[in-house]
PDB file of N, CA and C in Angstrom:
ATOM      1  N   MET A   1     -18.315   3.343 -11.152  1.00  0.00           N
ATOM      2  CA  MET A   1     -18.209   1.944 -11.534  1.00  0.00           C
ATOM      3  C   MET A   1     -18.698   1.803 -12.971  1.00  0.00           C
ATOM      4  N   CYS A   2     -17.968   1.078 -13.765  1.00  0.00           N
ATOM      5  CA  CYS A   2     -18.308   0.964 -15.181  1.00  0.00           C
ATOM      6  C   CYS A   2     -19.287  -0.170 -15.450  1.00  0.00           C
ATOM      7  N   GLY A   3     -19.528  -1.048 -14.475  1.00  0.00           N
ATOM      8  CA  GLY A   3     -20.487  -2.120 -14.653  1.00  0.00           C
ATOM      9  C   GLY A   3     -19.941  -3.333 -15.379  1.00  0.00           C
ATOM     10  N   VAL A   4     -18.636  -3.378 -15.621  1.00  0.00           N
ATOM     11  CA  VAL A   4     -18.025  -4.514 -16.311  1.00  0.00           C
ATOM     12  C   VAL A   4     -17.171  -5.275 -15.314  1.00  0.00           C
ATOM     13  N   LEU A   5     -17.459  -6.555 -15.158  1.00  0.00           N
ATOM     14  CA  LEU A   5     -16.691  -7.407 -14.250  1.00  0.00           C
ATOM     15  C   LEU A   5     -15.607  -8.151 -15.015  1.00  0.00           C
ATOM     16  N   PRO A   6     -14.523  -8.525 -14.350  1.00  0.00           N
ATOM     17  CA  PRO A   6     -13.499  -9.327 -15.013  1.00  0.00           C
ATOM     18  C   PRO A   6     -14.101 -10.650 -15.500  1.00  0.00           C
ATOM     19  N   PRO A   7     -13.703 -11.101 -16.673  1.00  0.00           N
ATOM     20  CA  PRO A   7     -14.281 -12.340 -17.209  1.00  0.00           C
ATOM     21  C   PRO A   7     -13.776 -13.571 -16.452  1.00  0.00           C
ATOM     22  N   GLY A   8     -14.592 -14.608 -16.436  1.00  0.00           N
ATOM     23  CA  GLY A   8     -14.189 -15.900 -15.886  1.00  0.00           C
ATOM     24  C   GLY A   8     -14.297 -16.019 -14.381  1.00  0.00           C
ATOM     25  N   LEU A   9     -15.035 -15.146 -13.718  1.00  0.00           N
ATOM     26  CA  LEU A   9     -15.179 -15.236 -12.273  1.00  0.00           C
ATOM     27  C   LEU A   9     -16.345 -16.146 -11.920  1.00  0.00           C
ATOM     28  N   SER A  10     -16.161 -16.940 -10.867  1.00  0.00           N
ATOM     29  CA  SER A  10     -17.260 -17.762 -10.379  1.00  0.00           C
ATOM     30  C   SER A  10     -18.233 -16.871  -9.604  1.00  0.00           C
ATOM     31  N   TYR A  11     -19.332 -17.438  -9.165  1.00  0.00           N
ATOM     32  CA  TYR A  11     -20.330 -16.679  -8.425  1.00  0.00           C
ATOM     33  C   TYR A  11     -19.719 -16.095  -7.148  1.00  0.00           C
ATOM     34  N   GLN A  12     -18.985 -16.909  -6.400  1.00  0.00           N
ATOM     35  CA  GLN A  12     -18.371 -16.445  -5.153  1.00  0.00           C
ATOM     36  C   GLN A  12     -17.314 -15.370  -5.412  1.00  0.00           C
ATOM     37  N   GLN A  13     -16.539 -15.538  -6.471  1.00  0.00           N
ATOM     38  CA  GLN A  13     -15.516 -14.545  -6.811  1.00  0.00           C
ATOM     39  C   GLN A  13     -16.158 -13.215  -7.203  1.00  0.00           C
ATOM     40  N   ARG A  14     -17.266 -13.276  -7.964  1.00  0.00           N
ATOM     41  CA  ARG A  14     -17.988 -12.044  -8.322  1.00  0.00           C
ATOM     42  C   ARG A  14     -18.515 -11.354  -7.080  1.00  0.00           C
ATOM     43  N   LYS A  15     -19.060 -12.150  -6.160  1.00  0.00           N
ATOM     44  CA  LYS A  15     -19.600 -11.607  -4.929  1.00  0.00           C
ATOM     45  C   LYS A  15     -18.507 -10.916  -4.107  1.00  0.00           C
ATOM     46  N   LYS A  16     -17.346 -11.563  -3.984  1.00  0.00           N
ATOM     47  CA  LYS A  16     -16.231 -10.992  -3.230  1.00  0.00           C
ATOM     48  C   LYS A  16     -15.689  -9.746  -3.922  1.00  0.00           C
ATOM     49  N   PHE A  17     -15.589  -9.798  -5.240  1.00  0.00           N
ATOM     50  CA  PHE A  17     -15.100  -8.650  -5.998  1.00  0.00           C
ATOM     51  C   PHE A  17     -15.985  -7.430  -5.767  1.00  0.00           C
ATOM     52  N   LEU A  18     -17.282  -7.600  -5.863  1.00  0.00           N
ATOM     53  CA  LEU A  18     -18.207  -6.489  -5.678  1.00  0.00           C
ATOM     54  C   LEU A  18     -18.210  -6.004  -4.226  1.00  0.00           C
ATOM     55  N   PHE A  19     -18.034  -6.914  -3.274  1.00  0.00           N
ATOM     56  CA  PHE A  19     -17.953  -6.520  -1.868  1.00  0.00           C
ATOM     57  C   PHE A  19     -16.701  -5.685  -1.614  1.00  0.00           C
ATOM     58  N   ASP A  20     -15.557  -6.119  -2.148  1.00  0.00           N
ATOM     59  CA  ASP A  20     -14.295  -5.402  -1.943  1.00  0.00           C
ATOM     60  C   ASP A  20     -14.226  -4.089  -2.720  1.00  0.00           C
ATOM     61  N   ALA A  21     -14.946  -3.979  -3.821  1.00  0.00           N
ATOM     62  CA  ALA A  21     -14.868  -2.793  -4.682  1.00  0.00           C
ATOM     63  C   ALA A  21     -15.343  -1.533  -3.973  1.00  0.00           C
ATOM     64  N   LYS A  22     -16.193  -1.667  -2.988  1.00  0.00           N
ATOM     65  CA  LYS A  22     -16.706  -0.469  -2.311  1.00  0.00           C
ATOM     66  C   LYS A  22     -15.641   0.210  -1.452  1.00  0.00           C
ATOM     67  N   TYR A  23     -14.524  -0.441  -1.211  1.00  0.00           N
ATOM     68  CA  TYR A  23     -13.447   0.139  -0.411  1.00  0.00           C
ATOM     69  C   TYR A  23     -12.392   0.850  -1.257  1.00  0.00           C
ATOM     70  N   TYR A  24     -12.585   0.885  -2.567  1.00  0.00           N
ATOM     71  CA  TYR A  24     -11.602   1.491  -3.462  1.00  0.00           C
ATOM     72  C   TYR A  24     -12.231   2.634  -4.249  1.00  0.00           C
ATOM     73  N   VAL A  25     -11.427   3.681  -4.488  1.00  0.00           N
ATOM     74  CA  VAL A  25     -11.853   4.820  -5.295  1.00  0.00           C
ATOM     75  C   VAL A  25     -10.755   5.085  -6.311  1.00  0.00           C
ATOM     76  N   TRP A  26     -11.147   5.218  -7.570  1.00  0.00           N
ATOM     77  CA  TRP A  26     -10.182   5.489  -8.634  1.00  0.00           C
ATOM     78  C   TRP A  26     -10.321   6.941  -9.049  1.00  0.00           C
ATOM     79  N   GLU A  27      -9.287   7.736  -8.790  1.00  0.00           N
ATOM     80  CA  GLU A  27      -9.205   9.104  -9.288  1.00  0.00           C
ATOM     81  C   GLU A  27      -7.973   9.163 -10.158  1.00  0.00           C
ATOM     82  N   GLU A  28      -8.189   9.233 -11.428  1.00  0.00           N
ATOM     83  CA  GLU A  28      -7.108   9.158 -12.405  1.00  0.00           C
ATOM     84  C   GLU A  28      -5.948  10.045 -11.991  1.00  0.00           C
ATOM     85  N   PRO A  29      -4.755   9.648 -11.878  1.00  0.00           N
ATOM     86  CA  PRO A  29      -4.189   8.340 -12.166  1.00  0.00           C
ATOM     87  C   PRO A  29      -3.972   7.482 -10.914  1.00  0.00           C
ATOM     88  N   PHE A  30      -4.610   7.821  -9.783  1.00  0.00           N
ATOM     89  CA  PHE A  30      -4.335   7.121  -8.533  1.00  0.00           C
ATOM     90  C   PHE A  30      -5.509   6.272  -8.078  1.00  0.00           C
ATOM     91  N   LEU A  31      -5.173   5.215  -7.338  1.00  0.00           N
ATOM     92  CA  LEU A  31      -6.161   4.341  -6.717  1.00  0.00           C
ATOM     93  C   LEU A  31      -6.064   4.551  -5.217  1.00  0.00           C
ATOM     94  N   TYR A  32      -7.199   4.761  -4.561  1.00  0.00           N
ATOM     95  CA  TYR A  32      -7.246   4.977  -3.119  1.00  0.00           C
ATOM     96  C   TYR A  32      -8.027   3.854  -2.471  1.00  0.00           C
ATOM     97  N   LYS A  33      -7.629   3.490  -1.241  1.00  0.00           N
ATOM     98  CA  LYS A  33      -8.318   2.445  -0.488  1.00  0.00           C
ATOM     99  C   LYS A  33      -8.809   3.027   0.820  1.00  0.00           C
ATOM    100  N   LEU A  34     -10.044   2.725   1.168  1.00  0.00           N
ATOM    101  CA  LEU A  34     -10.601   3.123   2.447  1.00  0.00           C
ATOM    102  C   LEU A  34     -10.153   2.101   3.473  1.00  0.00           C
ATOM    103  N   CYS A  35      -9.308   2.514   4.392  1.00  0.00           N
ATOM    104  CA  CYS A  35      -8.765   1.604   5.401  1.00  0.00           C
ATOM    105  C   CYS A  35      -9.699   1.523   6.601  1.00  0.00           C
ATOM    106  N   GLY A  36      -9.388   0.627   7.508  1.00  0.00           N
ATOM    107  CA  GLY A  36     -10.229   0.375   8.668  1.00  0.00           C
ATOM    108  C   GLY A  36     -10.407   1.567   9.583  1.00  0.00           C
ATOM    109  N   ASP A  37      -9.476   2.507   9.565  1.00  0.00           N
ATOM    110  CA  ASP A  37      -9.582   3.680  10.424  1.00  0.00           C
ATOM    111  C   ASP A  37     -10.358   4.820   9.763  1.00  0.00           C
ATOM    112  N   GLY A  38     -10.938   4.574   8.597  1.00  0.00           N
ATOM    113  CA  GLY A  38     -11.758   5.572   7.927  1.00  0.00           C
ATOM    114  C   GLY A  38     -10.991   6.560   7.071  1.00  0.00           C
ATOM    115  N   ILE A  39      -9.704   6.327   6.857  1.00  0.00           N
ATOM    116  CA  ILE A  39      -8.873   7.228   6.063  1.00  0.00           C
ATOM    117  C   ILE A  39      -8.632   6.600   4.695  1.00  0.00           C
ATOM    118  N   TYR A  40      -8.773   7.420   3.646  1.00  0.00           N
ATOM    119  CA  TYR A  40      -8.432   6.961   2.308  1.00  0.00           C
ATOM    120  C   TYR A  40      -6.932   7.098   2.127  1.00  0.00           C
ATOM    121  N   ARG A  41      -6.282   6.002   1.754  1.00  0.00           N
ATOM    122  CA  ARG A  41      -4.838   6.020   1.529  1.00  0.00           C
ATOM    123  C   ARG A  41      -4.559   5.681   0.079  1.00  0.00           C
ATOM    124  N   ARG A  42      -3.528   6.330  -0.468  1.00  0.00           N
ATOM    125  CA  ARG A  42      -3.157   6.103  -1.868  1.00  0.00           C
ATOM    126  C   ARG A  42      -2.442   4.776  -1.991  1.00  0.00           C
ATOM    127  N   TYR A  43      -2.919   3.954  -2.895  1.00  0.00           N
ATOM    128  CA  TYR A  43      -2.324   2.648  -3.168  1.00  0.00           C
ATOM    129  C   TYR A  43      -1.042   2.858  -3.964  1.00  0.00           C
ATOM    130  N   LEU A  44       0.043   2.269  -3.493  1.00  0.00           N
ATOM    131  CA  LEU A  44       1.323   2.395  -4.188  1.00  0.00           C
ATOM    132  C   LEU A  44       1.540   1.209  -5.121  1.00  0.00           C
ATOM    133  N   PRO A  45       1.835   1.458  -6.378  1.00  0.00           N
ATOM    134  CA  PRO A  45       2.186   0.357  -7.269  1.00  0.00           C
ATOM    135  C   PRO A  45       3.559  -0.201  -6.908  1.00  0.00           C
ATOM    136  N   LYS A  46       3.836  -1.415  -7.354  1.00  0.00           N
ATOM    137  CA  LYS A  46       5.082  -2.099  -6.981  1.00  0.00           C
ATOM    138  C   LYS A  46       6.332  -1.306  -7.333  1.00  0.00           C
ATOM    139  N   TYR A  47       6.304  -0.605  -8.457  1.00  0.00           N
ATOM    140  CA  TYR A  47       7.512   0.102  -8.867  1.00  0.00           C
ATOM    141  C   TYR A  47       7.812   1.318  -7.995  1.00  0.00           C
ATOM    142  N   GLU A  48       6.869   1.783  -7.171  1.00  0.00           N
ATOM    143  CA  GLU A  48       7.107   2.913  -6.282  1.00  0.00           C
ATOM    144  C   GLU A  48       7.460   2.501  -4.860  1.00  0.00           C
ATOM    145  N   VAL A  49       7.243   1.255  -4.511  1.00  0.00           N
ATOM    146  CA  VAL A  49       7.405   0.808  -3.130  1.00  0.00           C
ATOM    147  C   VAL A  49       8.828   1.001  -2.636  1.00  0.00           C
ATOM    148  N   LEU A  50       9.815   0.556  -3.394  1.00  0.00           N
ATOM    149  CA  LEU A  50      11.208   0.662  -2.942  1.00  0.00           C
ATOM    150  C   LEU A  50      11.651   2.103  -2.777  1.00  0.00           C
ATOM    151  N   SER A  51      11.220   2.981  -3.652  1.00  0.00           N
ATOM    152  CA  SER A  51      11.635   4.381  -3.521  1.00  0.00           C
ATOM    153  C   SER A  51      11.017   5.022  -2.275  1.00  0.00           C
ATOM    154  N   VAL A  52       9.782   4.688  -1.948  1.00  0.00           N
ATOM    155  CA  VAL A  52       9.158   5.230  -0.736  1.00  0.00           C
ATOM    156  C   VAL A  52       9.835   4.675   0.505  1.00  0.00           C
ATOM    157  N   LEU A  53      10.095   3.371   0.520  1.00  0.00           N
ATOM    158  CA  LEU A  53      10.770   2.776   1.677  1.00  0.00           C
ATOM    159  C   LEU A  53      12.178   3.344   1.833  1.00  0.00           C
ATOM    160  N   HIS A  54      12.864   3.542   0.729  1.00  0.00           N
ATOM    161  CA  HIS A  54      14.207   4.143   0.789  1.00  0.00           C
ATOM    162  C   HIS A  54      14.128   5.558   1.349  1.00  0.00           C
ATOM    163  N   HIS A  55      13.138   6.307   0.937  1.00  0.00           N
ATOM    164  CA  HIS A  55      12.984   7.683   1.415  1.00  0.00           C
ATOM    165  C   HIS A  55      12.811   7.721   2.934  1.00  0.00           C
ATOM    166  N   TYR A  56      12.016   6.808   3.487  1.00  0.00           N
ATOM    167  CA  TYR A  56      11.763   6.828   4.922  1.00  0.00           C
ATOM    168  C   TYR A  56      12.811   6.088   5.738  1.00  0.00           C
ATOM    169  N   HIS A  57      13.730   5.426   5.085  1.00  0.00           N
ATOM    170  CA  HIS A  57      14.742   4.684   5.846  1.00  0.00           C
ATOM    171  C   HIS A  57      16.154   5.204   5.615  1.00  0.00           C
ATOM    172  N   ALA A  58      16.575   5.307   4.381  1.00  0.00           N
ATOM    173  CA  ALA A  58      17.988   5.538   4.109  1.00  0.00           C
ATOM    174  C   ALA A  58      18.307   6.907   3.523  1.00  0.00           C
ATOM    175  N   SER A  59      17.299   7.720   3.239  1.00  0.00           N
ATOM    176  CA  SER A  59      17.610   9.038   2.684  1.00  0.00           C
ATOM    177  C   SER A  59      18.140   9.959   3.783  1.00  0.00           C
ATOM    178  N   THR A  60      18.448  11.189   3.431  1.00  0.00           N
ATOM    179  CA  THR A  60      18.977  12.131   4.418  1.00  0.00           C
ATOM    180  C   THR A  60      17.957  12.447   5.507  1.00  0.00           C
ATOM    181  N   TYR A  61      16.661  12.240   5.224  1.00  0.00           N
ATOM    182  CA  TYR A  61      15.630  12.473   6.242  1.00  0.00           C
ATOM    183  C   TYR A  61      15.306  11.196   7.005  1.00  0.00           C
ATOM    184  N   GLY A  62      15.785  10.063   6.529  1.00  0.00           N
ATOM    185  CA  GLY A  62      15.337   8.768   7.006  1.00  0.00           C
ATOM    186  C   GLY A  62      15.777   8.362   8.386  1.00  0.00           C
ATOM    187  N   GLU A  63      16.992   8.619   8.757  1.00  0.00           N
ATOM    188  CA  GLU A  63      17.543   8.284  10.060  1.00  0.00           C
ATOM    189  C   GLU A  63      17.531   6.794  10.370  1.00  0.00           C
ATOM    190  N   HIS A  64      17.407   5.932   9.406  1.00  0.00           N
ATOM    191  CA  HIS A  64      17.483   4.477   9.561  1.00  0.00           C
ATOM    192  C   HIS A  64      16.558   3.957  10.660  1.00  0.00           C
ATOM    193  N   PHE A  65      15.282   4.319  10.550  1.00  0.00           N
ATOM    194  CA  PHE A  65      14.288   3.826  11.493  1.00  0.00           C
ATOM    195  C   PHE A  65      14.113   2.325  11.339  1.00  0.00           C
ATOM    196  N   GLY A  66      13.628   1.684  12.384  1.00  0.00           N
ATOM    197  CA  GLY A  66      13.294   0.273  12.338  1.00  0.00           C
ATOM    198  C   GLY A  66      11.989   0.070  11.589  1.00  0.00           C
ATOM    199  N   PRO A  67      11.598  -1.192  11.378  1.00  0.00           N
ATOM    200  CA  PRO A  67      10.406  -1.476  10.575  1.00  0.00           C
ATOM    201  C   PRO A  67       9.121  -0.894  11.167  1.00  0.00           C
ATOM    202  N   ASN A  68       8.944  -0.955  12.474  1.00  0.00           N
ATOM    203  CA  ASN A  68       7.689  -0.459  13.069  1.00  0.00           C
ATOM    204  C   ASN A  68       7.547   1.046  12.899  1.00  0.00           C
ATOM    205  N   LYS A  69       8.608   1.791  13.096  1.00  0.00           N
ATOM    206  CA  LYS A  69       8.571   3.246  12.936  1.00  0.00           C
ATOM    207  C   LYS A  69       8.353   3.614  11.464  1.00  0.00           C
ATOM    208  N   MET A  70       8.979   2.855  10.556  1.00  0.00           N
ATOM    209  CA  MET A  70       8.789   3.117   9.120  1.00  0.00           C
ATOM    210  C   MET A  70       7.351   2.857   8.700  1.00  0.00           C
ATOM    211  N   ILE A  71       6.767   1.781   9.195  1.00  0.00           N
ATOM    212  CA  ILE A  71       5.372   1.457   8.864  1.00  0.00           C
ATOM    213  C   ILE A  71       4.465   2.585   9.342  1.00  0.00           C
ATOM    214  N   THR A  72       4.718   3.075  10.542  1.00  0.00           N
ATOM    215  CA  THR A  72       3.928   4.178  11.081  1.00  0.00           C
ATOM    216  C   THR A  72       4.044   5.414  10.204  1.00  0.00           C
ATOM    217  N   LYS A  73       5.260   5.740   9.777  1.00  0.00           N
ATOM    218  CA  LYS A  73       5.473   6.928   8.951  1.00  0.00           C
ATOM    219  C   LYS A  73       4.788   6.786   7.592  1.00  0.00           C
ATOM    220  N   VAL A  74       4.875   5.618   6.976  1.00  0.00           N
ATOM    221  CA  VAL A  74       4.242   5.405   5.664  1.00  0.00           C
ATOM    222  C   VAL A  74       2.728   5.556   5.779  1.00  0.00           C
ATOM    223  N   LEU A  75       2.141   5.011   6.838  1.00  0.00           N
ATOM    224  CA  LEU A  75       0.696   5.122   7.020  1.00  0.00           C
ATOM    225  C   LEU A  75       0.281   6.556   7.357  1.00  0.00           C
ATOM    226  N   GLN A  76       1.099   7.267   8.129  1.00  0.00           N
ATOM    227  CA  GLN A  76       0.770   8.652   8.483  1.00  0.00           C
ATOM    228  C   GLN A  76       0.759   9.559   7.266  1.00  0.00           C
ATOM    229  N   VAL A  77       1.640   9.304   6.323  1.00  0.00           N
ATOM    230  CA  VAL A  77       1.701  10.118   5.123  1.00  0.00           C
ATOM    231  C   VAL A  77       0.488   9.860   4.231  1.00  0.00           C
ATOM    232  N   GLY A  78      -0.099   8.670   4.318  1.00  0.00           N
ATOM    233  CA  GLY A  78      -1.300   8.392   3.539  1.00  0.00           C
ATOM    234  C   GLY A  78      -1.095   7.411   2.410  1.00  0.00           C
ATOM    235  N   PHE A  79      -0.102   6.530   2.529  1.00  0.00           N
ATOM    236  CA  PHE A  79       0.114   5.505   1.519  1.00  0.00           C
ATOM    237  C   PHE A  79      -0.434   4.178   2.005  1.00  0.00           C
ATOM    238  N   TYR A  80      -0.827   3.335   1.058  1.00  0.00           N
ATOM    239  CA  TYR A  80      -1.285   1.985   1.359  1.00  0.00           C
ATOM    240  C   TYR A  80      -0.495   1.009   0.507  1.00  0.00           C
ATOM    241  N   LEU A  81       0.076  -0.003   1.146  1.00  0.00           N
ATOM    242  CA  LEU A  81       0.762  -1.082   0.444  1.00  0.00           C
ATOM    243  C   LEU A  81       0.143  -2.386   0.918  1.00  0.00           C
ATOM    244  N   PRO A  82      -0.217  -3.278   0.020  1.00  0.00           N
ATOM    245  CA  PRO A  82      -0.844  -4.521   0.450  1.00  0.00           C
ATOM    246  C   PRO A  82       0.072  -5.378   1.326  1.00  0.00           C
ATOM    247  N   MET A  83       1.341  -5.378   1.078  1.00  0.00           N
ATOM    248  CA  MET A  83       2.290  -6.171   1.854  1.00  0.00           C
ATOM    249  C   MET A  83       3.231  -5.250   2.626  1.00  0.00           C
ATOM    250  N   LEU A  84       2.693  -4.238   3.269  1.00  0.00           N
ATOM    251  CA  LEU A  84       3.490  -3.216   3.933  1.00  0.00           C
ATOM    252  C   LEU A  84       4.418  -3.794   4.991  1.00  0.00           C
ATOM    253  N   PHE A  85       3.924  -4.641   5.855  1.00  0.00           N
ATOM    254  CA  PHE A  85       4.728  -5.173   6.953  1.00  0.00           C
ATOM    255  C   PHE A  85       5.866  -6.057   6.438  1.00  0.00           C
ATOM    256  N   ARG A  86       5.538  -6.939   5.519  1.00  0.00           N
ATOM    257  CA  ARG A  86       6.556  -7.843   4.975  1.00  0.00           C
ATOM    258  C   ARG A  86       7.610  -7.081   4.184  1.00  0.00           C
ATOM    259  N   ASP A  87       7.181  -6.185   3.304  1.00  0.00           N
ATOM    260  CA  ASP A  87       8.132  -5.440   2.476  1.00  0.00           C
ATOM    261  C   ASP A  87       9.030  -4.542   3.321  1.00  0.00           C
ATOM    262  N   THR A  88       8.477  -3.911   4.347  1.00  0.00           N
ATOM    263  CA  THR A  88       9.272  -3.015   5.191  1.00  0.00           C
ATOM    264  C   THR A  88      10.304  -3.792   5.985  1.00  0.00           C
ATOM    265  N   ARG A  89       9.914  -4.906   6.562  1.00  0.00           N
ATOM    266  CA  ARG A  89      10.876  -5.710   7.332  1.00  0.00           C
ATOM    267  C   ARG A  89      11.994  -6.234   6.429  1.00  0.00           C
ATOM    268  N   LYS A  90      11.636  -6.674   5.232  1.00  0.00           N
ATOM    269  CA  LYS A  90      12.646  -7.164   4.295  1.00  0.00           C
ATOM    270  C   LYS A  90      13.599  -6.039   3.891  1.00  0.00           C
ATOM    271  N   PHE A  91      13.077  -4.842   3.673  1.00  0.00           N
ATOM    272  CA  PHE A  91      13.906  -3.704   3.286  1.00  0.00           C
ATOM    273  C   PHE A  91      14.887  -3.348   4.401  1.00  0.00           C
ATOM    274  N   VAL A  92      14.429  -3.318   5.641  1.00  0.00           N
ATOM    275  CA  VAL A  92      15.301  -2.979   6.768  1.00  0.00           C
ATOM    276  C   VAL A  92      16.384  -4.044   6.962  1.00  0.00           C
ATOM    277  N   MET A  93      16.022  -5.303   6.765  1.00  0.00           N
ATOM    278  CA  MET A  93      17.000  -6.395   6.935  1.00  0.00           C
ATOM    279  C   MET A  93      18.097  -6.340   5.891  1.00  0.00           C
ATOM    280  N   THR A  94      17.843  -5.770   4.736  1.00  0.00           N
ATOM    281  CA  THR A  94      18.858  -5.702   3.688  1.00  0.00           C
ATOM    282  C   THR A  94      19.738  -4.456   3.788  1.00  0.00           C
ATOM    283  N   CYS A  95      19.453  -3.588   4.755  1.00  0.00           N
ATOM    284  CA  CYS A  95      20.251  -2.370   4.920  1.00  0.00           C
ATOM    285  C   CYS A  95      21.595  -2.727   5.564  1.00  0.00           C
ATOM    286  N   ASP A  96      22.680  -2.403   4.889  1.00  0.00           N
ATOM    287  CA  ASP A  96      24.022  -2.718   5.398  1.00  0.00           C
ATOM    288  C   ASP A  96      24.358  -1.915   6.651  1.00  0.00           C
ATOM    289  N   ARG A  97      23.932  -0.684   6.697  1.00  0.00           N
ATOM    290  CA  ARG A  97      24.257   0.172   7.822  1.00  0.00           C
ATOM    291  C   ARG A  97      23.552  -0.254   9.115  1.00  0.00           C
ATOM    292  N   CYS A  98      22.365  -0.800   8.968  1.00  0.00           N
ATOM    293  CA  CYS A  98      21.599  -1.215  10.157  1.00  0.00           C
ATOM    294  C   CYS A  98      22.072  -2.568  10.649  1.00  0.00           C
TER     295      CYS A  98
END
């Protein structure tokens, strides 16, 4: 921790920020989050989300799984997405083949 907080935070926001910070680890160039099951998962930036979802759904290995199976596979591999459930369901709904 570098000891520098984002500017303009209220007391409650600073408190929440410091509380949440203990669940994250930064190892250049990746950010990891300690999830509820005790496993550190790599945080995926927005620009990587679609490629990962495509890999587990529509690629030659994907087999066009439904949203629940895709969510399970993404978590098993060790990725973390803040909006995993919403993004996965939206991705499956836009698949023409499914």
